Protein backbone atom coordinates (compact mmCIF):
# COMPACT_ATOMS: atom_id res chain seq x y z
CA MET A 1 62.30 38.98 44.51
CA ILE A 2 60.57 37.53 41.42
CA THR A 3 60.49 38.49 37.76
CA VAL A 4 57.08 38.31 36.10
CA LEU A 5 57.73 37.18 32.53
CA ARG A 6 54.44 38.05 30.85
CA ASN A 7 51.29 40.05 31.45
CA TYR A 8 48.96 38.07 33.73
CA GLY A 9 45.48 38.52 35.14
CA SER A 10 42.73 36.21 36.42
CA ALA A 11 39.87 36.00 38.89
CA ALA A 12 42.52 35.67 41.63
CA THR A 13 43.75 39.19 40.74
CA ASP A 14 40.20 40.50 40.31
CA PHE A 15 41.10 40.59 36.61
CA GLN A 16 43.68 43.31 37.27
CA ARG A 17 46.76 42.84 35.10
CA ILE A 18 50.20 42.09 36.57
CA GLU A 19 52.70 43.64 34.18
CA PRO A 20 56.06 41.99 33.39
CA GLY A 21 58.91 43.15 35.62
CA ASP A 22 60.62 42.63 38.98
CA TYR A 23 58.56 42.51 42.20
CA ALA A 24 59.16 41.69 45.84
CA GLU A 25 57.32 38.45 46.64
CA ASP A 26 55.07 40.33 49.06
CA ASP A 27 54.36 43.21 46.64
CA PRO A 28 50.63 44.04 46.82
CA ARG A 29 50.56 44.37 43.01
CA LEU A 30 50.96 40.56 42.88
CA TYR A 31 47.67 40.06 44.80
CA GLY A 32 49.30 37.32 46.90
CA GLN A 33 49.90 35.20 43.79
CA ALA A 34 53.73 35.11 43.75
CA ASP A 35 54.00 31.34 44.42
CA TYR A 36 51.25 30.58 41.90
CA LEU A 37 52.95 32.68 39.22
CA ILE A 38 56.25 30.87 39.81
CA GLU A 39 54.65 27.40 39.85
CA ASN A 40 52.90 28.07 36.55
CA GLY A 41 55.85 29.56 34.68
CA VAL A 42 54.52 33.12 34.59
CA ALA A 43 57.33 34.29 36.87
CA VAL A 44 60.73 33.13 38.10
CA LYS A 45 62.60 33.80 41.31
CA VAL A 46 65.42 36.25 40.77
CA GLY A 47 68.71 34.40 41.22
CA ALA A 48 67.07 30.99 40.84
CA VAL A 49 69.09 28.42 38.98
CA ALA A 50 67.52 27.63 35.63
CA VAL A 51 66.91 23.95 34.99
CA ALA A 52 67.79 22.84 31.50
CA ALA A 53 65.34 20.71 29.61
CA PRO A 54 66.54 17.17 28.97
CA ALA A 55 68.25 16.62 25.64
CA LEU A 56 65.98 15.20 22.99
CA GLU A 57 66.98 12.09 21.10
CA PRO A 58 67.15 12.46 17.34
CA ILE A 59 64.17 11.21 15.40
CA GLU A 60 64.94 8.33 13.12
CA GLU A 61 63.98 8.64 9.49
CA PRO A 62 60.89 6.53 8.76
CA GLN A 63 61.50 3.42 6.72
CA PRO A 64 59.47 3.03 3.52
CA VAL A 65 56.57 0.64 3.81
CA GLU A 66 56.01 -1.85 1.02
CA ALA A 67 52.53 -1.63 -0.39
CA GLU A 68 50.50 -4.81 -0.57
CA SER A 69 49.22 -5.74 -3.98
CA VAL A 70 45.51 -5.15 -4.19
CA GLU A 71 43.20 -6.67 -6.76
CA PRO A 72 41.09 -4.10 -8.60
CA VAL A 73 37.42 -4.14 -7.73
CA ALA A 74 34.80 -3.83 -10.45
CA ALA A 75 32.46 -0.86 -10.22
CA PRO A 76 28.93 -1.76 -9.14
CA THR A 77 26.38 -2.28 -11.90
CA PRO A 78 23.85 0.57 -12.06
CA ARG A 79 20.38 -0.45 -10.92
CA LYS A 80 17.33 0.01 -13.07
CA ARG A 81 14.72 2.47 -11.88
CA LYS A 82 11.26 1.20 -11.04
CA GLY A 83 8.42 2.59 -13.11
CA GLY A 84 10.77 4.24 -15.47
């Protein structure tokens, strides 16, 4: 028995939608895609043990970066037009 978690359809199902709900793994409405649906997170086996995601480590606050002193740059001198 599997539980389809969200509406699914593809070329493998001839673009017919598989609605969320419980199905026998050999249910013809799954178009033979039960294993694929489970492998790709679209469905889960009923009674399967859920695997918890690993705990994330806290993100450290970024340390301020000291700015380098920069010498000001003079603006370029406008060029004279030719024939003007």
